[in-house]
Amino acid sequence: MKTRFTPSARTQFLAAVTYINRENPSAAREFYHKATELLKQLHPFPLSGRVVPEFPDLPFREIIVPPYRFFYRQKNATIWIVAVWHSAQLPVKPDSQ
C-alpha cells in the first residue's frame, strides 16, 4: 500500500506547514510529523478514517490532525490524499478521482 498526494493536496499540506511555521516552527515540525505518522497508519487500516460528514455519499474518508482535515480515498493499492483543509473551512465537494 502506498500513500500519495494529489498535486493540489500536496500544495495545501505544504501551505499549512508553512503557515504554522511562521508563528511557531516547533509546532510546524510536530504537525508535519504527526500528519505523516497518521497517514502511514492508513496502510494497514485504510477504512479507519471517518466518512466525510458533509459528503457521506462519496467514496472519501478523512483523518483529522488538528486543526486540519485530510480527505482521502483508497484506489487499488494506493491511498490518495485529495485535499487538506483547515477545520474552520467549509469543504467543497471533491472530484471523484
PDB file of N, CA and C in Angstrom:
ATOM      1  N   MET A   1       0.855  -1.173   0.000  1.00  0.00           N
ATOM      2  CA  MET A   1       0.000   0.000   0.000  1.00  0.00           C
ATOM      3  C   MET A   1       0.900   1.235   0.000  1.00  0.00           C
ATOM      4  N   LYS A   2       0.553   2.213  -0.832  1.00  0.00           N
ATOM      5  CA  LYS A   2       1.279   3.474  -0.907  1.00  0.00           C
ATOM      6  C   LYS A   2       0.339   4.613  -0.538  1.00  0.00           C
ATOM      7  N   THR A   3       0.919   5.700  -0.066  1.00  0.00           N
ATOM      8  CA  THR A   3       0.157   6.920   0.159  1.00  0.00           C
ATOM      9  C   THR A   3       0.725   7.975  -0.763  1.00  0.00           C
ATOM     10  N   ARG A   4      -0.158   8.622  -1.504  1.00  0.00           N
ATOM     11  CA  ARG A   4       0.256   9.676  -2.423  1.00  0.00           C
ATOM     12  C   ARG A   4      -0.675  10.862  -2.273  1.00  0.00           C
ATOM     13  N   PHE A   5      -0.128  12.031  -2.525  1.00  0.00           N
ATOM     14  CA  PHE A   5      -0.907  13.263  -2.529  1.00  0.00           C
ATOM     15  C   PHE A   5      -1.209  13.654  -3.960  1.00  0.00           C
ATOM     16  N   THR A   6      -2.423  14.130  -4.209  1.00  0.00           N
ATOM     17  CA  THR A   6      -2.678  14.788  -5.485  1.00  0.00           C
ATOM     18  C   THR A   6      -1.872  16.088  -5.462  1.00  0.00           C
ATOM     19  N   PRO A   7      -1.569  16.677  -6.607  1.00  0.00           N
ATOM     20  CA  PRO A   7      -0.806  17.929  -6.595  1.00  0.00           C
ATOM     21  C   PRO A   7      -1.460  19.023  -5.747  1.00  0.00           C
ATOM     22  N   SER A   8      -2.768  19.164  -5.838  1.00  0.00           N
ATOM     23  CA  SER A   8      -3.426  20.222  -5.057  1.00  0.00           C
ATOM     24  C   SER A   8      -3.377  19.915  -3.559  1.00  0.00           C
ATOM     25  N   ALA A   9      -3.522  18.663  -3.179  1.00  0.00           N
ATOM     26  CA  ALA A   9      -3.460  18.300  -1.761  1.00  0.00           C
ATOM     27  C   ALA A   9      -2.050  18.510  -1.209  1.00  0.00           C
ATOM     28  N   ARG A  10      -1.033  18.192  -2.003  1.00  0.00           N
ATOM     29  CA  ARG A  10       0.348  18.430  -1.557  1.00  0.00           C
ATOM     30  C   ARG A  10       0.575  19.915  -1.322  1.00  0.00           C
ATOM     31  N   THR A  11       0.077  20.739  -2.248  1.00  0.00           N
ATOM     32  CA  THR A  11       0.194  22.192  -2.099  1.00  0.00           C
ATOM     33  C   THR A  11      -0.511  22.665  -0.833  1.00  0.00           C
ATOM     34  N   GLN A  12      -1.703  22.140  -0.572  1.00  0.00           N
ATOM     35  CA  GLN A  12      -2.454  22.525   0.624  1.00  0.00           C
ATOM     36  C   GLN A  12      -1.717  22.110   1.896  1.00  0.00           C
ATOM     37  N   PHE A  13      -1.163  20.906   1.906  1.00  0.00           N
ATOM     38  CA  PHE A  13      -0.432  20.415   3.078  1.00  0.00           C
ATOM     39  C   PHE A  13       0.802  21.278   3.343  1.00  0.00           C
ATOM     40  N   LEU A  14       1.576  21.545   2.301  1.00  0.00           N
ATOM     41  CA  LEU A  14       2.783  22.359   2.475  1.00  0.00           C
ATOM     42  C   LEU A  14       2.437  23.795   2.873  1.00  0.00           C
ATOM     43  N   ALA A  15       1.325  24.317   2.356  1.00  0.00           N
ATOM     44  CA  ALA A  15       0.883  25.658   2.757  1.00  0.00           C
ATOM     45  C   ALA A  15       0.512  25.680   4.240  1.00  0.00           C
ATOM     46  N   ALA A  16      -0.109  24.618   4.718  1.00  0.00           N
ATOM     47  CA  ALA A  16      -0.476  24.534   6.137  1.00  0.00           C
ATOM     48  C   ALA A  16       0.784  24.513   7.004  1.00  0.00           C
ATOM     49  N   VAL A  17       1.763  23.710   6.607  1.00  0.00           N
ATOM     50  CA  VAL A  17       3.014  23.636   7.371  1.00  0.00           C
ATOM     51  C   VAL A  17       3.719  24.994   7.355  1.00  0.00           C
ATOM     52  N   THR A  18       3.741  25.642   6.210  1.00  0.00           N
ATOM     53  CA  THR A  18       4.372  26.960   6.086  1.00  0.00           C
ATOM     54  C   THR A  18       3.664  27.981   6.969  1.00  0.00           C
ATOM     55  N   TYR A  19       2.353  27.957   6.959  1.00  0.00           N
ATOM     56  CA  TYR A  19       1.566  28.893   7.766  1.00  0.00           C
ATOM     57  C   TYR A  19       1.864  28.709   9.253  1.00  0.00           C
ATOM     58  N   ILE A  20       1.856  27.478   9.715  1.00  0.00           N
ATOM     59  CA  ILE A  20       2.134  27.197  11.123  1.00  0.00           C
ATOM     60  C   ILE A  20       3.572  27.605  11.462  1.00  0.00           C
ATOM     61  N   ASN A  21       4.488  27.343  10.528  1.00  0.00           N
ATOM     62  CA  ASN A  21       5.900  27.633  10.746  1.00  0.00           C
ATOM     63  C   ASN A  21       6.172  29.122  10.966  1.00  0.00           C
ATOM     64  N   ARG A  22       5.375  29.980  10.361  1.00  0.00           N
ATOM     65  CA  ARG A  22       5.577  31.427  10.523  1.00  0.00           C
ATOM     66  C   ARG A  22       5.460  31.850  11.980  1.00  0.00           C
ATOM     67  N   GLU A  23       4.535  31.236  12.698  1.00  0.00           N
ATOM     68  CA  GLU A  23       4.305  31.609  14.092  1.00  0.00           C
ATOM     69  C   GLU A  23       5.064  30.729  15.080  1.00  0.00           C
ATOM     70  N   ASN A  24       5.218  29.433  14.712  1.00  0.00           N
ATOM     71  CA  ASN A  24       5.784  28.501  15.676  1.00  0.00           C
ATOM     72  C   ASN A  24       6.464  27.343  14.944  1.00  0.00           C
ATOM     73  N   PRO A  25       7.760  27.473  14.641  1.00  0.00           N
ATOM     74  CA  PRO A  25       8.465  26.418  13.899  1.00  0.00           C
ATOM     75  C   PRO A  25       8.395  25.036  14.549  1.00  0.00           C
ATOM     76  N   SER A  26       8.460  24.968  15.871  1.00  0.00           N
ATOM     77  CA  SER A  26       8.397  23.640  16.503  1.00  0.00           C
ATOM     78  C   SER A  26       7.008  23.024  16.343  1.00  0.00           C
ATOM     79  N   ALA A  27       5.963  23.846  16.389  1.00  0.00           N
ATOM     80  CA  ALA A  27       4.603  23.335  16.163  1.00  0.00           C
ATOM     81  C   ALA A  27       4.449  22.856  14.726  1.00  0.00           C
ATOM     82  N   ALA A  28       5.089  23.525  13.789  1.00  0.00           N
ATOM     83  CA  ALA A  28       5.024  23.102  12.386  1.00  0.00           C
ATOM     84  C   ALA A  28       5.680  21.738  12.208  1.00  0.00           C
ATOM     85  N   ARG A  29       6.835  21.555  12.837  1.00  0.00           N
ATOM     86  CA  ARG A  29       7.507  20.245  12.757  1.00  0.00           C
ATOM     87  C   ARG A  29       6.651  19.159  13.393  1.00  0.00           C
ATOM     88  N   GLU A  30       6.059  19.470  14.548  1.00  0.00           N
ATOM     89  CA  GLU A  30       5.201  18.499  15.235  1.00  0.00           C
ATOM     90  C   GLU A  30       3.980  18.143  14.381  1.00  0.00           C
ATOM     91  N   PHE A  31       3.348  19.150  13.779  1.00  0.00           N
ATOM     92  CA  PHE A  31       2.191  18.910  12.921  1.00  0.00           C
ATOM     93  C   PHE A  31       2.589  18.028  11.733  1.00  0.00           C
ATOM     94  N   TYR A  32       3.702  18.356  11.081  1.00  0.00           N
ATOM     95  CA  TYR A  32       4.169  17.584   9.921  1.00  0.00           C
ATOM     96  C   TYR A  32       4.400  16.122  10.307  1.00  0.00           C
ATOM     97  N   HIS A  33       5.106  15.905  11.408  1.00  0.00           N
ATOM     98  CA  HIS A  33       5.404  14.526  11.820  1.00  0.00           C
ATOM     99  C   HIS A  33       4.148  13.775  12.258  1.00  0.00           C
ATOM    100  N   LYS A  34       3.281  14.442  12.973  1.00  0.00           N
ATOM    101  CA  LYS A  34       2.034  13.789  13.397  1.00  0.00           C
ATOM    102  C   LYS A  34       1.193  13.404  12.182  1.00  0.00           C
ATOM    103  N   ALA A  35       1.097  14.309  11.205  1.00  0.00           N
ATOM    104  CA  ALA A  35       0.316  14.022   9.995  1.00  0.00           C
ATOM    105  C   ALA A  35       0.914  12.852   9.225  1.00  0.00           C
ATOM    106  N   THR A  36       2.221  12.854   9.029  1.00  0.00           N
ATOM    107  CA  THR A  36       2.822  11.766   8.257  1.00  0.00           C
ATOM    108  C   THR A  36       2.683  10.433   8.978  1.00  0.00           C
ATOM    109  N   GLU A  37       2.787  10.432  10.311  1.00  0.00           N
ATOM    110  CA  GLU A  37       2.609   9.184  11.059  1.00  0.00           C
ATOM    111  C   GLU A  37       1.168   8.670  10.967  1.00  0.00           C
ATOM    112  N   LEU A  38       0.195   9.562  11.090  1.00  0.00           N
ATOM    113  CA  LEU A  38      -1.206   9.127  10.976  1.00  0.00           C
ATOM    114  C   LEU A  38      -1.518   8.619   9.568  1.00  0.00           C
ATOM    115  N   LEU A  39      -0.955   9.267   8.567  1.00  0.00           N
ATOM    116  CA  LEU A  39      -1.183   8.812   7.191  1.00  0.00           C
ATOM    117  C   LEU A  39      -0.565   7.433   6.964  1.00  0.00           C
ATOM    118  N   LYS A  40       0.569   7.154   7.584  1.00  0.00           N
ATOM    119  CA  LYS A  40       1.183   5.825   7.468  1.00  0.00           C
ATOM    120  C   LYS A  40       0.288   4.756   8.097  1.00  0.00           C
ATOM    121  N   GLN A  41      -0.433   5.131   9.156  1.00  0.00           N
ATOM    122  CA  GLN A  41      -1.313   4.167   9.824  1.00  0.00           C
ATOM    123  C   GLN A  41      -2.487   3.756   8.946  1.00  0.00           C
ATOM    124  N   LEU A  42      -2.730   4.492   7.888  1.00  0.00           N
ATOM    125  CA  LEU A  42      -3.801   4.110   6.968  1.00  0.00           C
ATOM    126  C   LEU A  42      -3.430   2.893   6.133  1.00  0.00           C
ATOM    127  N   HIS A  43      -2.143   2.597   6.005  1.00  0.00           N
ATOM    128  CA  HIS A  43      -1.727   1.468   5.164  1.00  0.00           C
ATOM    129  C   HIS A  43      -2.386   0.164   5.591  1.00  0.00           C
ATOM    130  N   PRO A  44      -2.280  -0.223   6.851  1.00  0.00           N
ATOM    131  CA  PRO A  44      -2.945  -1.473   7.214  1.00  0.00           C
ATOM    132  C   PRO A  44      -4.456  -1.317   7.449  1.00  0.00           C
ATOM    133  N   PHE A  45      -4.900  -0.079   7.667  1.00  0.00           N
ATOM    134  CA  PHE A  45      -6.309   0.156   8.000  1.00  0.00           C
ATOM    135  C   PHE A  45      -6.879   1.315   7.181  1.00  0.00           C
ATOM    136  N   PRO A  46      -7.025   1.151   5.876  1.00  0.00           N
ATOM    137  CA  PRO A  46      -7.464   2.270   5.032  1.00  0.00           C
ATOM    138  C   PRO A  46      -8.878   2.770   5.328  1.00  0.00           C
ATOM    139  N   LEU A  47      -9.688   1.969   5.968  1.00  0.00           N
ATOM    140  CA  LEU A  47     -11.050   2.409   6.294  1.00  0.00           C
ATOM    141  C   LEU A  47     -11.151   2.973   7.709  1.00  0.00           C
ATOM    142  N   SER A  48     -10.009   3.205   8.346  1.00  0.00           N
ATOM    143  CA  SER A  48     -10.043   3.683   9.730  1.00  0.00           C
ATOM    144  C   SER A  48     -10.452   5.152   9.845  1.00  0.00           C
ATOM    145  N   GLY A  49     -10.293   5.917   8.798  1.00  0.00           N
ATOM    146  CA  GLY A  49     -10.763   7.296   8.826  1.00  0.00           C
ATOM    147  C   GLY A  49     -12.279   7.328   8.760  1.00  0.00           C
ATOM    148  N   ARG A  50     -12.844   8.431   9.225  1.00  0.00           N
ATOM    149  CA  ARG A  50     -14.303   8.506   9.207  1.00  0.00           C
ATOM    150  C   ARG A  50     -14.807   8.969   7.838  1.00  0.00           C
ATOM    151  N   VAL A  51     -16.033   8.622   7.539  1.00  0.00           N
ATOM    152  CA  VAL A  51     -16.694   9.114   6.331  1.00  0.00           C
ATOM    153  C   VAL A  51     -16.828  10.625   6.491  1.00  0.00           C
ATOM    154  N   VAL A  52     -16.624  11.362   5.403  1.00  0.00           N
ATOM    155  CA  VAL A  52     -16.711  12.819   5.464  1.00  0.00           C
ATOM    156  C   VAL A  52     -18.177  13.189   5.705  1.00  0.00           C
ATOM    157  N   PRO A  53     -18.486  13.798   6.854  1.00  0.00           N
ATOM    158  CA  PRO A  53     -19.891  14.048   7.201  1.00  0.00           C
ATOM    159  C   PRO A  53     -20.633  14.908   6.180  1.00  0.00           C
ATOM    160  N   GLU A  54     -19.927  15.840   5.562  1.00  0.00           N
ATOM    161  CA  GLU A  54     -20.583  16.712   4.585  1.00  0.00           C
ATOM    162  C   GLU A  54     -20.913  15.998   3.273  1.00  0.00           C
ATOM    163  N   PHE A  55     -20.212  14.883   3.001  1.00  0.00           N
ATOM    164  CA  PHE A  55     -20.396  14.155   1.740  1.00  0.00           C
ATOM    165  C   PHE A  55     -20.461  12.646   1.978  1.00  0.00           C
ATOM    166  N   PRO A  56     -21.457  12.168   2.724  1.00  0.00           N
ATOM    167  CA  PRO A  56     -21.499  10.751   3.079  1.00  0.00           C
ATOM    168  C   PRO A  56     -21.714   9.818   1.883  1.00  0.00           C
ATOM    169  N   ASP A  57     -22.192  10.363   0.777  1.00  0.00           N
ATOM    170  CA  ASP A  57     -22.452   9.523  -0.391  1.00  0.00           C
ATOM    171  C   ASP A  57     -21.223   9.353  -1.290  1.00  0.00           C
ATOM    172  N   LEU A  58     -20.135  10.050  -0.994  1.00  0.00           N
ATOM    173  CA  LEU A  58     -18.923   9.949  -1.808  1.00  0.00           C
ATOM    174  C   LEU A  58     -17.948   8.950  -1.200  1.00  0.00           C
ATOM    175  N   PRO A  59     -17.015   8.418  -2.008  1.00  0.00           N
ATOM    176  CA  PRO A  59     -16.093   7.381  -1.510  1.00  0.00           C
ATOM    177  C   PRO A  59     -14.883   7.941  -0.761  1.00  0.00           C
ATOM    178  N   PHE A  60     -15.043   9.087  -0.109  1.00  0.00           N
ATOM    179  CA  PHE A  60     -13.928   9.711   0.593  1.00  0.00           C
ATOM    180  C   PHE A  60     -14.069   9.516   2.092  1.00  0.00           C
ATOM    181  N   ARG A  61     -12.914   9.491   2.752  1.00  0.00           N
ATOM    182  CA  ARG A  61     -12.857   9.415   4.197  1.00  0.00           C
ATOM    183  C   ARG A  61     -11.928  10.526   4.651  1.00  0.00           C
ATOM    184  N   GLU A  62     -11.833  10.725   5.955  1.00  0.00           N
ATOM    185  CA  GLU A  62     -10.932  11.757   6.448  1.00  0.00           C
ATOM    186  C   GLU A  62     -10.286  11.330   7.744  1.00  0.00           C
ATOM    187  N   ILE A  63      -9.091  11.885   7.956  1.00  0.00           N
ATOM    188  CA  ILE A  63      -8.467  11.815   9.260  1.00  0.00           C
ATOM    189  C   ILE A  63      -8.212  13.255   9.681  1.00  0.00           C
ATOM    190  N   ILE A  64      -8.231  13.475  10.967  1.00  0.00           N
ATOM    191  CA  ILE A  64      -8.067  14.826  11.481  1.00  0.00           C
ATOM    192  C   ILE A  64      -6.758  14.910  12.252  1.00  0.00           C
ATOM    193  N   VAL A  65      -5.965  15.900  11.844  1.00  0.00           N
ATOM    194  CA  VAL A  65      -4.758  16.264  12.565  1.00  0.00           C
ATOM    195  C   VAL A  65      -4.978  17.723  12.932  1.00  0.00           C
ATOM    196  N   PRO A  66      -5.497  17.955  14.141  1.00  0.00           N
ATOM    197  CA  PRO A  66      -5.939  19.305  14.486  1.00  0.00           C
ATOM    198  C   PRO A  66      -4.899  20.382  14.159  1.00  0.00           C
ATOM    199  N   PRO A  67      -5.344  21.454  13.544  1.00  0.00           N
ATOM    200  CA  PRO A  67      -6.712  21.803  13.186  1.00  0.00           C
ATOM    201  C   PRO A  67      -7.045  21.507  11.722  1.00  0.00           C
ATOM    202  N   TYR A  68      -6.370  20.522  11.097  1.00  0.00           N
ATOM    203  CA  TYR A  68      -6.577  20.233   9.674  1.00  0.00           C
ATOM    204  C   TYR A  68      -7.258  18.892   9.464  1.00  0.00           C
ATOM    205  N   ARG A  69      -7.995  18.827   8.363  1.00  0.00           N
ATOM    206  CA  ARG A  69      -8.675  17.604   7.941  1.00  0.00           C
ATOM    207  C   ARG A  69      -8.016  17.120   6.657  1.00  0.00           C
ATOM    208  N   PHE A  70      -7.658  15.845   6.625  1.00  0.00           N
ATOM    209  CA  PHE A  70      -7.051  15.237   5.446  1.00  0.00           C
ATOM    210  C   PHE A  70      -8.095  14.324   4.809  1.00  0.00           C
ATOM    211  N   PHE A  71      -8.520  14.678   3.607  1.00  0.00           N
ATOM    212  CA  PHE A  71      -9.519  13.898   2.878  1.00  0.00           C
ATOM    213  C   PHE A  71      -8.790  12.921   1.963  1.00  0.00           C
ATOM    214  N   TYR A  72      -9.226  11.668   1.975  1.00  0.00           N
ATOM    215  CA  TYR A  72      -8.543  10.663   1.160  1.00  0.00           C
ATOM    216  C   TYR A  72      -9.521   9.634   0.628  1.00  0.00           C
ATOM    217  N   ARG A  73      -8.994   8.853  -0.315  1.00  0.00           N
ATOM    218  CA  ARG A  73      -9.734   7.685  -0.784  1.00  0.00           C
ATOM    219  C   ARG A  73      -8.741   6.623  -1.189  1.00  0.00           C
ATOM    220  N   GLN A  74      -9.158   5.398  -1.053  1.00  0.00           N
ATOM    221  CA  GLN A  74      -8.322   4.282  -1.475  1.00  0.00           C
ATOM    222  C   GLN A  74      -8.695   3.923  -2.894  1.00  0.00           C
ATOM    223  N   LYS A  75      -7.687   3.780  -3.722  1.00  0.00           N
ATOM    224  CA  LYS A  75      -7.910   3.336  -5.095  1.00  0.00           C
ATOM    225  C   LYS A  75      -6.839   2.295  -5.400  1.00  0.00           C
ATOM    226  N   ASN A  76      -7.298   1.053  -5.568  1.00  0.00           N
ATOM    227  CA  ASN A  76      -6.399  -0.088  -5.728  1.00  0.00           C
ATOM    228  C   ASN A  76      -5.483  -0.160  -4.513  1.00  0.00           C
ATOM    229  N   ALA A  77      -4.171  -0.189  -4.723  1.00  0.00           N
ATOM    230  CA  ALA A  77      -3.230  -0.308  -3.605  1.00  0.00           C
ATOM    231  C   ALA A  77      -2.655   1.044  -3.201  1.00  0.00           C
ATOM    232  N   THR A  78      -3.358   2.110  -3.505  1.00  0.00           N
ATOM    233  CA  THR A  78      -2.875   3.447  -3.184  1.00  0.00           C
ATOM    234  C   THR A  78      -3.924   4.216  -2.399  1.00  0.00           C
ATOM    235  N   ILE A  79      -3.476   4.906  -1.369  1.00  0.00           N
ATOM    236  CA  ILE A  79      -4.330   5.833  -0.638  1.00  0.00           C
ATOM    237  C   ILE A  79      -3.994   7.214  -1.180  1.00  0.00           C
ATOM    238  N   TRP A  80      -4.980   7.863  -1.780  1.00  0.00           N
ATOM    239  CA  TRP A  80      -4.787   9.188  -2.369  1.00  0.00           C
ATOM    240  C   TRP A  80      -5.301  10.248  -1.413  1.00  0.00           C
ATOM    241  N   ILE A  81      -4.409  11.133  -0.984  1.00  0.00           N
ATOM    242  CA  ILE A  81      -4.815  12.298  -0.202  1.00  0.00           C
ATOM    243  C   ILE A  81      -5.277  13.318  -1.242  1.00  0.00           C
ATOM    244  N   VAL A  82      -6.555  13.687  -1.182  1.00  0.00           N
ATOM    245  CA  VAL A  82      -7.123  14.544  -2.224  1.00  0.00           C
ATOM    246  C   VAL A  82      -7.305  15.990  -1.794  1.00  0.00           C
ATOM    247  N   ALA A  83      -7.289  16.255  -0.477  1.00  0.00           N
ATOM    248  CA  ALA A  83      -7.442  17.632  -0.002  1.00  0.00           C
ATOM    249  C   ALA A  83      -7.001  17.724   1.452  1.00  0.00           C
ATOM    250  N   VAL A  84      -6.511  18.901   1.808  1.00  0.00           N
ATOM    251  CA  VAL A  84      -6.145  19.202   3.187  1.00  0.00           C
ATOM    252  C   VAL A  84      -6.770  20.551   3.501  1.00  0.00           C
ATOM    253  N   TRP A  85      -7.704  20.548   4.452  1.00  0.00           N
ATOM    254  CA  TRP A  85      -8.452  21.764   4.777  1.00  0.00           C
ATOM    255  C   TRP A  85      -8.328  22.075   6.253  1.00  0.00           C
ATOM    256  N   HIS A  86      -8.255  23.360   6.550  1.00  0.00           N
ATOM    257  CA  HIS A  86      -8.335  23.791   7.946  1.00  0.00           C
ATOM    258  C   HIS A  86      -9.754  23.480   8.405  1.00  0.00           C
ATOM    259  N   SER A  87      -9.923  23.056   9.628  1.00  0.00           N
ATOM    260  CA  SER A  87     -11.239  22.643  10.103  1.00  0.00           C
ATOM    261  C   SER A  87     -12.244  23.794  10.154  1.00  0.00           C
ATOM    262  N   ALA A  88     -11.773  25.034  10.105  1.00  0.00           N
ATOM    263  CA  ALA A  88     -12.698  26.173  10.078  1.00  0.00           C
ATOM    264  C   ALA A  88     -13.248  26.423   8.671  1.00  0.00           C
ATOM    265  N   GLN A  89     -12.622  25.821   7.654  1.00  0.00           N
ATOM    266  CA  GLN A  89     -13.093  25.984   6.282  1.00  0.00           C
ATOM    267  C   GLN A  89     -14.214  24.996   5.995  1.00  0.00           C
ATOM    268  N   LEU A  90     -15.137  25.419   5.147  1.00  0.00           N
ATOM    269  CA  LEU A  90     -16.176  24.511   4.683  1.00  0.00           C
ATOM    270  C   LEU A  90     -15.642  23.807   3.438  1.00  0.00           C
ATOM    271  N   PRO A  91     -15.592  22.484   3.455  1.00  0.00           N
ATOM    272  CA  PRO A  91     -15.038  21.777   2.300  1.00  0.00           C
ATOM    273  C   PRO A  91     -15.957  21.856   1.091  1.00  0.00           C
ATOM    274  N   VAL A  92     -15.335  21.894  -0.081  1.00  0.00           N
ATOM    275  CA  VAL A  92     -16.085  21.819  -1.321  1.00  0.00           C
ATOM    276  C   VAL A  92     -16.108  20.364  -1.752  1.00  0.00           C
ATOM    277  N   LYS A  93     -17.097  19.995  -2.505  1.00  0.00           N
ATOM    278  CA  LYS A  93     -17.240  18.609  -2.933  1.00  0.00           C
ATOM    279  C   LYS A  93     -16.027  18.224  -3.780  1.00  0.00           C
ATOM    280  N   PRO A  94     -15.250  17.208  -3.354  1.00  0.00           N
ATOM    281  CA  PRO A  94     -14.061  16.820  -4.102  1.00  0.00           C
ATOM    282  C   PRO A  94     -14.414  16.056  -5.367  1.00  0.00           C
ATOM    283  N   ASP A  95     -13.457  16.063  -6.297  1.00  0.00           N
ATOM    284  CA  ASP A  95     -13.619  15.263  -7.516  1.00  0.00           C
ATOM    285  C   ASP A  95     -13.500  13.800  -7.159  1.00  0.00           C
ATOM    286  N   SER A  96     -14.227  12.961  -7.827  1.00  0.00           N
ATOM    287  CA  SER A  96     -14.161  11.507  -7.580  1.00  0.00           C
ATOM    288  C   SER A  96     -13.044  10.907  -8.419  1.00  0.00           C
ATOM    289  N   GLN A  97     -11.819  11.166  -8.040  1.00  0.00           N
ATOM    290  CA  GLN A  97     -10.660  10.709  -8.803  1.00  0.00           C
ATOM    291  C   GLN A  97     -10.567   9.224  -8.815  1.00  0.00           C
TER     292      GLN A  97
END
